[in-house]
PDB file of all heavy atoms in Angstrom:
ATOM      1  N   HIS A   1       3.190 -12.327   4.937  1.00  0.00           N
ATOM      2  CA  HIS A   1       4.526 -12.684   4.594  1.00  0.00           C
ATOM      3  C   HIS A   1       5.110 -11.634   3.671  1.00  0.00           C
ATOM      4  O   HIS A   1       4.421 -10.639   3.322  1.00  0.00           O
ATOM      5  CB  HIS A   1       4.666 -14.088   4.013  1.00  0.00           C
ATOM      6  CG  HIS A   1       3.618 -14.351   2.933  1.00  0.00           C
ATOM      7  ND1 HIS A   1       3.794 -13.819   1.624  1.00  0.00           N
ATOM      8  CD2 HIS A   1       2.456 -15.066   2.901  1.00  0.00           C
ATOM      9  CE1 HIS A   1       2.752 -14.304   0.940  1.00  0.00           C
ATOM     10  NE2 HIS A   1       1.945 -14.953   1.648  1.00  0.00           N
ATOM     11  N   HIS A   2       6.350 -11.838   3.249  1.00  0.00           N
ATOM     12  CA  HIS A   2       7.049 -10.784   2.537  1.00  0.00           C
ATOM     13  C   HIS A   2       6.372 -10.504   1.143  1.00  0.00           C
ATOM     14  O   HIS A   2       6.575  -9.432   0.562  1.00  0.00           O
ATOM     15  CB  HIS A   2       8.528 -11.036   2.350  1.00  0.00           C
ATOM     16  CG  HIS A   2       8.838 -12.116   1.320  1.00  0.00           C
ATOM     17  ND1 HIS A   2       8.669 -13.498   1.542  1.00  0.00           N
ATOM     18  CD2 HIS A   2       9.326 -12.004   0.052  1.00  0.00           C
ATOM     19  CE1 HIS A   2       9.029 -14.092   0.453  1.00  0.00           C
ATOM     20  NE2 HIS A   2       9.410 -13.276  -0.468  1.00  0.00           N
ATOM     21  N   LEU A   3       5.664 -11.521   0.632  1.00  0.00           N
ATOM     22  CA  LEU A   3       5.085 -11.295  -0.672  1.00  0.00           C
ATOM     23  C   LEU A   3       3.784 -10.501  -0.669  1.00  0.00           C
ATOM     24  O   LEU A   3       3.324  -9.899  -1.640  1.00  0.00           O
ATOM     25  CB  LEU A   3       4.799 -12.671  -1.377  1.00  0.00           C
ATOM     26  CG  LEU A   3       6.010 -13.540  -1.730  1.00  0.00           C
ATOM     27  CD1 LEU A   3       5.510 -14.810  -2.301  1.00  0.00           C
ATOM     28  CD2 LEU A   3       6.918 -12.776  -2.728  1.00  0.00           C
ATOM     29  N   ASN A   4       3.136 -10.440   0.540  1.00  0.00           N
ATOM     30  CA  ASN A   4       1.838  -9.714   0.595  1.00  0.00           C
ATOM     31  C   ASN A   4       1.811  -8.676   1.680  1.00  0.00           C
ATOM     32  O   ASN A   4       0.769  -8.062   2.004  1.00  0.00           O
ATOM     33  CB  ASN A   4       0.686 -10.709   0.770  1.00  0.00           C
ATOM     34  CG  ASN A   4       0.690 -11.340   2.092  1.00  0.00           C
ATOM     35  OD1 ASN A   4       1.420 -11.052   3.001  1.00  0.00           O
ATOM     36  ND2 ASN A   4      -0.140 -12.400   2.258  1.00  0.00           N
ATOM     37  N   GLN A   5       3.004  -8.425   2.395  1.00  0.00           N
ATOM     38  CA  GLN A   5       2.938  -7.554   3.513  1.00  0.00           C
ATOM     39  C   GLN A   5       2.490  -6.130   3.211  1.00  0.00           C
ATOM     40  O   GLN A   5       1.788  -5.511   4.028  1.00  0.00           O
ATOM     41  CB  GLN A   5       4.299  -7.522   4.185  1.00  0.00           C
ATOM     42  CG  GLN A   5       5.408  -7.066   3.294  1.00  0.00           C
ATOM     43  CD  GLN A   5       6.813  -7.181   3.938  1.00  0.00           C
ATOM     44  OE1 GLN A   5       6.909  -7.266   5.179  1.00  0.00           O
ATOM     45  NE2 GLN A   5       7.861  -7.251   3.172  1.00  0.00           N
ATOM     46  N   PHE A   6       2.773  -5.652   2.035  1.00  0.00           N
ATOM     47  CA  PHE A   6       2.361  -4.267   1.706  1.00  0.00           C
ATOM     48  C   PHE A   6       0.895  -4.219   1.373  1.00  0.00           C
ATOM     49  O   PHE A   6       0.189  -3.248   1.699  1.00  0.00           O
ATOM     50  CB  PHE A   6       3.184  -3.740   0.593  1.00  0.00           C
ATOM     51  CG  PHE A   6       4.632  -3.617   0.943  1.00  0.00           C
ATOM     52  CD1 PHE A   6       5.567  -4.525   0.365  1.00  0.00           C
ATOM     53  CD2 PHE A   6       5.073  -2.676   1.890  1.00  0.00           C
ATOM     54  CE1 PHE A   6       6.916  -4.400   0.706  1.00  0.00           C
ATOM     55  CE2 PHE A   6       6.413  -2.593   2.199  1.00  0.00           C
ATOM     56  CZ  PHE A   6       7.335  -3.469   1.670  1.00  0.00           C
ATOM     57  N   ALA A   7       0.353  -5.327   0.839  1.00  0.00           N
ATOM     58  CA  ALA A   7      -1.119  -5.461   0.607  1.00  0.00           C
ATOM     59  C   ALA A   7      -1.797  -5.401   1.889  1.00  0.00           C
ATOM     60  O   ALA A   7      -2.933  -4.776   2.031  1.00  0.00           O
ATOM     61  CB  ALA A   7      -1.408  -6.622  -0.250  1.00  0.00           C
ATOM     62  N   ARG A   8      -1.304  -6.069   2.926  1.00  0.00           N
ATOM     63  CA  ARG A   8      -1.920  -6.167   4.223  1.00  0.00           C
ATOM     64  C   ARG A   8      -1.959  -4.751   4.871  1.00  0.00           C
ATOM     65  O   ARG A   8      -2.970  -4.362   5.498  1.00  0.00           O
ATOM     66  CB  ARG A   8      -1.202  -7.165   5.129  1.00  0.00           C
ATOM     67  CG  ARG A   8      -1.282  -8.593   4.639  1.00  0.00           C
ATOM     68  CD  ARG A   8      -2.610  -9.227   4.870  1.00  0.00           C
ATOM     69  NE  ARG A   8      -2.573 -10.651   4.507  1.00  0.00           N
ATOM     70  CZ  ARG A   8      -3.293 -11.199   3.545  1.00  0.00           C
ATOM     71  NH1 ARG A   8      -4.133 -10.400   2.796  1.00  0.00           N
ATOM     72  NH2 ARG A   8      -3.250 -12.451   3.283  1.00  0.00           N
ATOM     73  N   ILE A   9      -0.891  -4.062   4.712  1.00  0.00           N
ATOM     74  CA  ILE A   9      -0.842  -2.694   5.258  1.00  0.00           C
ATOM     75  C   ILE A   9      -1.861  -1.835   4.542  1.00  0.00           C
ATOM     76  O   ILE A   9      -2.614  -1.025   5.174  1.00  0.00           O
ATOM     77  CB  ILE A   9       0.589  -2.103   5.126  1.00  0.00           C
ATOM     78  CG1 ILE A   9       1.592  -2.851   6.085  1.00  0.00           C
ATOM     79  CG2 ILE A   9       0.600  -0.651   5.391  1.00  0.00           C
ATOM     80  CD1 ILE A   9       3.064  -2.458   5.843  1.00  0.00           C
ATOM     81  N   ASN A  10      -1.934  -1.974   3.222  1.00  0.00           N
ATOM     82  CA  ASN A  10      -2.961  -1.171   2.474  1.00  0.00           C
ATOM     83  C   ASN A  10      -4.333  -1.512   2.870  1.00  0.00           C
ATOM     84  O   ASN A  10      -5.227  -0.633   2.957  1.00  0.00           O
ATOM     85  CB  ASN A  10      -2.767  -1.464   0.951  1.00  0.00           C
ATOM     86  CG  ASN A  10      -1.500  -0.819   0.367  1.00  0.00           C
ATOM     87  OD1 ASN A  10      -0.830  -0.072   1.118  1.00  0.00           O
ATOM     88  ND2 ASN A  10      -1.273  -1.025  -0.885  1.00  0.00           N
ATOM     89  N   ASP A  11      -4.614  -2.772   3.102  1.00  0.00           N
ATOM     90  CA  ASP A  11      -5.958  -3.183   3.584  1.00  0.00           C
ATOM     91  C   ASP A  11      -6.335  -2.462   4.897  1.00  0.00           C
ATOM     92  O   ASP A  11      -7.517  -2.041   5.083  1.00  0.00           O
ATOM     93  CB  ASP A  11      -6.014  -4.698   3.778  1.00  0.00           C
ATOM     94  CG  ASP A  11      -5.970  -5.478   2.464  1.00  0.00           C
ATOM     95  OD1 ASP A  11      -6.186  -4.914   1.428  1.00  0.00           O
ATOM     96  OD2 ASP A  11      -5.657  -6.736   2.573  1.00  0.00           O
ATOM     97  N   ALA A  12      -5.375  -2.377   5.790  1.00  0.00           N
ATOM     98  CA  ALA A  12      -5.692  -1.753   7.089  1.00  0.00           C
ATOM     99  C   ALA A  12      -5.943  -0.242   6.883  1.00  0.00           C
ATOM    100  O   ALA A  12      -6.862   0.270   7.526  1.00  0.00           O
ATOM    101  CB  ALA A  12      -4.468  -1.963   7.996  1.00  0.00           C
ATOM    102  N   TYR A  13      -5.142   0.424   6.056  1.00  0.00           N
ATOM    103  CA  TYR A  13      -5.378   1.821   5.823  1.00  0.00           C
ATOM    104  C   TYR A  13      -6.780   2.022   5.200  1.00  0.00           C
ATOM    105  O   TYR A  13      -7.510   2.919   5.567  1.00  0.00           O
ATOM    106  CB  TYR A  13      -4.343   2.378   4.882  1.00  0.00           C
ATOM    107  CG  TYR A  13      -3.105   2.897   5.537  1.00  0.00           C
ATOM    108  CD1 TYR A  13      -1.963   2.059   5.696  1.00  0.00           C
ATOM    109  CD2 TYR A  13      -2.998   4.192   6.054  1.00  0.00           C
ATOM    110  CE1 TYR A  13      -0.779   2.600   6.228  1.00  0.00           C
ATOM    111  CE2 TYR A  13      -1.865   4.691   6.637  1.00  0.00           C
ATOM    112  CZ  TYR A  13      -0.819   3.842   6.765  1.00  0.00           C
ATOM    113  OH  TYR A  13       0.404   4.313   7.349  1.00  0.00           O
ATOM    114  N   THR A  14      -7.131   1.207   4.209  1.00  0.00           N
ATOM    115  CA  THR A  14      -8.374   1.307   3.539  1.00  0.00           C
ATOM    116  C   THR A  14      -9.539   1.087   4.502  1.00  0.00           C
ATOM    117  O   THR A  14     -10.541   1.838   4.532  1.00  0.00           O
ATOM    118  CB  THR A  14      -8.483   0.289   2.404  1.00  0.00           C
ATOM    119  OG1 THR A  14      -7.423   0.550   1.444  1.00  0.00           O
ATOM    120  CG2 THR A  14      -9.804   0.414   1.658  1.00  0.00           C
ATOM    121  N   LEU A  15      -9.363   0.090   5.393  1.00  0.00           N
ATOM    122  CA  LEU A  15     -10.462  -0.203   6.390  1.00  0.00           C
ATOM    123  C   LEU A  15     -10.630   1.025   7.318  1.00  0.00           C
ATOM    124  O   LEU A  15     -11.744   1.329   7.715  1.00  0.00           O
ATOM    125  CB  LEU A  15     -10.036  -1.368   7.232  1.00  0.00           C
ATOM    126  CG  LEU A  15     -11.011  -1.823   8.294  1.00  0.00           C
ATOM    127  CD1 LEU A  15     -12.368  -2.251   7.657  1.00  0.00           C
ATOM    128  CD2 LEU A  15     -10.394  -3.031   9.109  1.00  0.00           C
ATOM    129  N   ALA A  16      -9.537   1.776   7.619  1.00  0.00           N
ATOM    130  CA  ALA A  16      -9.672   2.908   8.512  1.00  0.00           C
ATOM    131  C   ALA A  16     -10.073   4.155   7.786  1.00  0.00           C
ATOM    132  O   ALA A  16     -10.273   5.237   8.363  1.00  0.00           O
ATOM    133  CB  ALA A  16      -8.322   3.182   9.237  1.00  0.00           C
ATOM    134  N   GLY A  17     -10.270   4.035   6.453  1.00  0.00           N
ATOM    135  CA  GLY A  17     -10.650   5.212   5.690  1.00  0.00           C
ATOM    136  C   GLY A  17      -9.572   6.176   5.366  1.00  0.00           C
ATOM    137  O   GLY A  17      -9.790   7.361   5.052  1.00  0.00           O
ATOM    138  N   LEU A  18      -8.293   5.682   5.413  1.00  0.00           N
ATOM    139  CA  LEU A  18      -7.174   6.544   5.201  1.00  0.00           C
ATOM    140  C   LEU A  18      -6.436   6.078   3.898  1.00  0.00           C
ATOM    141  O   LEU A  18      -6.664   5.042   3.344  1.00  0.00           O
ATOM    142  CB  LEU A  18      -6.143   6.313   6.315  1.00  0.00           C
ATOM    143  CG  LEU A  18      -6.610   6.705   7.769  1.00  0.00           C
ATOM    144  CD1 LEU A  18      -5.509   6.381   8.731  1.00  0.00           C
ATOM    145  CD2 LEU A  18      -7.044   8.159   7.833  1.00  0.00           C
ATOM    146  N   THR A  19      -5.686   7.062   3.296  1.00  0.00           N
ATOM    147  CA  THR A  19      -4.965   6.813   2.096  1.00  0.00           C
ATOM    148  C   THR A  19      -3.771   5.966   2.316  1.00  0.00           C
ATOM    149  O   THR A  19      -2.907   6.372   3.117  1.00  0.00           O
ATOM    150  CB  THR A  19      -4.581   8.089   1.427  1.00  0.00           C
ATOM    151  OG1 THR A  19      -5.675   8.895   1.191  1.00  0.00           O
ATOM    152  CG2 THR A  19      -3.852   7.897   0.069  1.00  0.00           C
ATOM    153  N   PRO A  20      -3.565   4.794   1.674  1.00  0.00           N
ATOM    154  CA  PRO A  20      -2.457   3.977   1.897  1.00  0.00           C
ATOM    155  C   PRO A  20      -1.148   4.587   1.349  1.00  0.00           C
ATOM    156  O   PRO A  20      -1.191   5.539   0.530  1.00  0.00           O
ATOM    157  CB  PRO A  20      -2.762   2.729   1.116  1.00  0.00           C
ATOM    158  CG  PRO A  20      -4.186   2.761   0.867  1.00  0.00           C
ATOM    159  CD  PRO A  20      -4.546   4.189   0.743  1.00  0.00           C
ATOM    160  N   PRO A  21      -0.006   4.118   1.831  1.00  0.00           N
ATOM    161  CA  PRO A  21       1.282   4.592   1.230  1.00  0.00           C
ATOM    162  C   PRO A  21       1.353   4.333  -0.229  1.00  0.00           C
ATOM    163  O   PRO A  21       0.664   3.370  -0.703  1.00  0.00           O
ATOM    164  CB  PRO A  21       2.322   3.822   2.016  1.00  0.00           C
ATOM    165  CG  PRO A  21       1.624   3.351   3.277  1.00  0.00           C
ATOM    166  CD  PRO A  21       0.181   3.099   2.864  1.00  0.00           C
ATOM    167  N   THR A  22       2.142   5.068  -0.987  1.00  0.00           N
ATOM    168  CA  THR A  22       2.222   4.817  -2.443  1.00  0.00           C
ATOM    169  C   THR A  22       3.348   3.870  -2.835  1.00  0.00           C
ATOM    170  O   THR A  22       3.303   3.394  -3.918  1.00  0.00           O
ATOM    171  CB  THR A  22       2.438   6.186  -3.166  1.00  0.00           C
ATOM    172  OG1 THR A  22       3.746   6.732  -2.651  1.00  0.00           O
ATOM    173  CG2 THR A  22       1.349   7.210  -2.876  1.00  0.00           C
ATOM    174  N   TYR A  23       4.324   3.686  -1.934  1.00  0.00           N
ATOM    175  CA  TYR A  23       5.459   2.802  -2.212  1.00  0.00           C
ATOM    176  C   TYR A  23       6.101   3.078  -3.539  1.00  0.00           C
ATOM    177  O   TYR A  23       6.267   2.211  -4.411  1.00  0.00           O
ATOM    178  CB  TYR A  23       4.955   1.311  -2.239  1.00  0.00           C
ATOM    179  CG  TYR A  23       4.163   0.882  -1.024  1.00  0.00           C
ATOM    180  CD1 TYR A  23       2.811   0.576  -1.174  1.00  0.00           C
ATOM    181  CD2 TYR A  23       4.729   0.876   0.276  1.00  0.00           C
ATOM    182  CE1 TYR A  23       2.113   0.137  -0.069  1.00  0.00           C
ATOM    183  CE2 TYR A  23       3.958   0.543   1.382  1.00  0.00           C
ATOM    184  CZ  TYR A  23       2.688   0.184   1.205  1.00  0.00           C
ATOM    185  OH  TYR A  23       1.948  -0.193   2.292  1.00  0.00           O
ATOM    186  N   VAL A  24       6.359   4.348  -3.843  1.00  0.00           N
ATOM    187  CA  VAL A  24       7.053   4.857  -4.987  1.00  0.00           C
ATOM    188  C   VAL A  24       6.395   4.394  -6.353  1.00  0.00           C
ATOM    189  O   VAL A  24       6.952   4.191  -7.340  1.00  0.00           O
ATOM    190  CB  VAL A  24       8.537   4.512  -5.081  1.00  0.00           C
ATOM    191  CG1 VAL A  24       9.335   5.065  -3.946  1.00  0.00           C
ATOM    192  CG2 VAL A  24       8.798   2.961  -5.110  1.00  0.00           C
ATOM    193  N   GLU A  25       5.064   4.281  -6.288  1.00  0.00           N
ATOM    194  CA  GLU A  25       4.294   3.796  -7.460  1.00  0.00           C
ATOM    195  C   GLU A  25       4.399   4.753  -8.630  1.00  0.00           C
ATOM    196  O   GLU A  25       4.531   4.390  -9.780  1.00  0.00           O
ATOM    197  CB  GLU A  25       2.822   3.559  -7.129  1.00  0.00           C
ATOM    198  CG  GLU A  25       2.530   2.371  -6.217  1.00  0.00           C
ATOM    199  CD  GLU A  25       3.015   1.081  -6.860  1.00  0.00           C
ATOM    200  OE1 GLU A  25       2.894   0.951  -8.117  1.00  0.00           O
ATOM    201  OE2 GLU A  25       3.516   0.191  -6.127  1.00  0.00           O
ATOM    202  N   GLU A  26       4.418   6.129  -8.347  1.00  0.00           N
ATOM    203  CA  GLU A  26       4.525   7.046  -9.392  1.00  0.00           C
ATOM    204  C   GLU A  26       5.907   6.915 -10.163  1.00  0.00           C
ATOM    205  O   GLU A  26       5.992   6.945 -11.348  1.00  0.00           O
ATOM    206  CB  GLU A  26       4.352   8.447  -8.899  1.00  0.00           C
ATOM    207  CG  GLU A  26       4.392   9.535  -9.968  1.00  0.00           C
ATOM    208  CD  GLU A  26       4.063  10.937  -9.445  1.00  0.00           C
ATOM    209  OE1 GLU A  26       3.628  11.011  -8.241  1.00  0.00           O
ATOM    210  OE2 GLU A  26       4.230  11.905 -10.190  1.00  0.00           O
ATOM    211  N   LEU A  27       6.897   6.763  -9.314  1.00  0.00           N
ATOM    212  CA  LEU A  27       8.296   6.600  -9.952  1.00  0.00           C
ATOM    213  C   LEU A  27       8.314   5.291 -10.698  1.00  0.00           C
ATOM    214  O   LEU A  27       8.919   5.192 -11.815  1.00  0.00           O
ATOM    215  CB  LEU A  27       9.324   6.548  -8.807  1.00  0.00           C
ATOM    216  CG  LEU A  27      10.792   6.369  -9.286  1.00  0.00           C
ATOM    217  CD1 LEU A  27      11.174   7.428 -10.302  1.00  0.00           C
ATOM    218  CD2 LEU A  27      11.720   6.358  -8.117  1.00  0.00           C
ATOM    219  N   LYS A  28       7.710   4.221 -10.191  1.00  0.00           N
ATOM    220  CA  LYS A  28       7.679   2.987 -10.936  1.00  0.00           C
ATOM    221  C   LYS A  28       7.061   3.195 -12.268  1.00  0.00           C
ATOM    222  O   LYS A  28       7.568   2.675 -13.315  1.00  0.00           O
ATOM    223  CB  LYS A  28       6.830   1.940 -10.146  1.00  0.00           C
ATOM    224  CG  LYS A  28       7.547   1.282  -8.963  1.00  0.00           C
ATOM    225  CD  LYS A  28       6.628   0.307  -8.337  1.00  0.00           C
ATOM    226  CE  LYS A  28       7.129  -0.358  -7.087  1.00  0.00           C
ATOM    227  NZ  LYS A  28       6.196  -1.312  -6.540  1.00  0.00           N
ATOM    228  N   ARG A  29       5.938   3.939 -12.328  1.00  0.00           N
ATOM    229  CA  ARG A  29       5.315   4.079 -13.593  1.00  0.00           C
ATOM    230  C   ARG A  29       6.167   4.957 -14.589  1.00  0.00           C
ATOM    231  O   ARG A  29       6.240   4.684 -15.773  1.00  0.00           O
ATOM    232  CB  ARG A  29       3.970   4.783 -13.412  1.00  0.00           C
ATOM    233  CG  ARG A  29       2.838   3.935 -12.787  1.00  0.00           C
ATOM    234  CD  ARG A  29       1.466   4.576 -12.900  1.00  0.00           C
ATOM    235  NE  ARG A  29       1.422   5.661 -11.970  1.00  0.00           N
ATOM    236  CZ  ARG A  29       1.098   5.651 -10.661  1.00  0.00           C
ATOM    237  NH1 ARG A  29       0.816   4.474 -10.134  1.00  0.00           N
ATOM    238  NH2 ARG A  29       1.040   6.732  -9.959  1.00  0.00           N
ATOM    239  N   THR A  30       6.780   5.952 -14.034  1.00  0.00           N
ATOM    240  CA  THR A  30       7.702   6.773 -14.911  1.00  0.00           C
ATOM    241  C   THR A  30       8.813   5.966 -15.474  1.00  0.00           C
ATOM    242  O   THR A  30       9.091   6.075 -16.693  1.00  0.00           O
ATOM    243  CB  THR A  30       8.261   7.916 -13.959  1.00  0.00           C
ATOM    244  OG1 THR A  30       7.225   8.773 -13.532  1.00  0.00           O
ATOM    245  CG2 THR A  30       9.185   8.813 -14.841  1.00  0.00           C
TER     246      THR A  30
END
């Protein structure tokens, strides 16, 4: 659902051995 949809996408990337999207995390931290 909308509260966990990005975590689900990240789980799939991780399972495939790929780097998940960052979702502007660096900008968030800045």
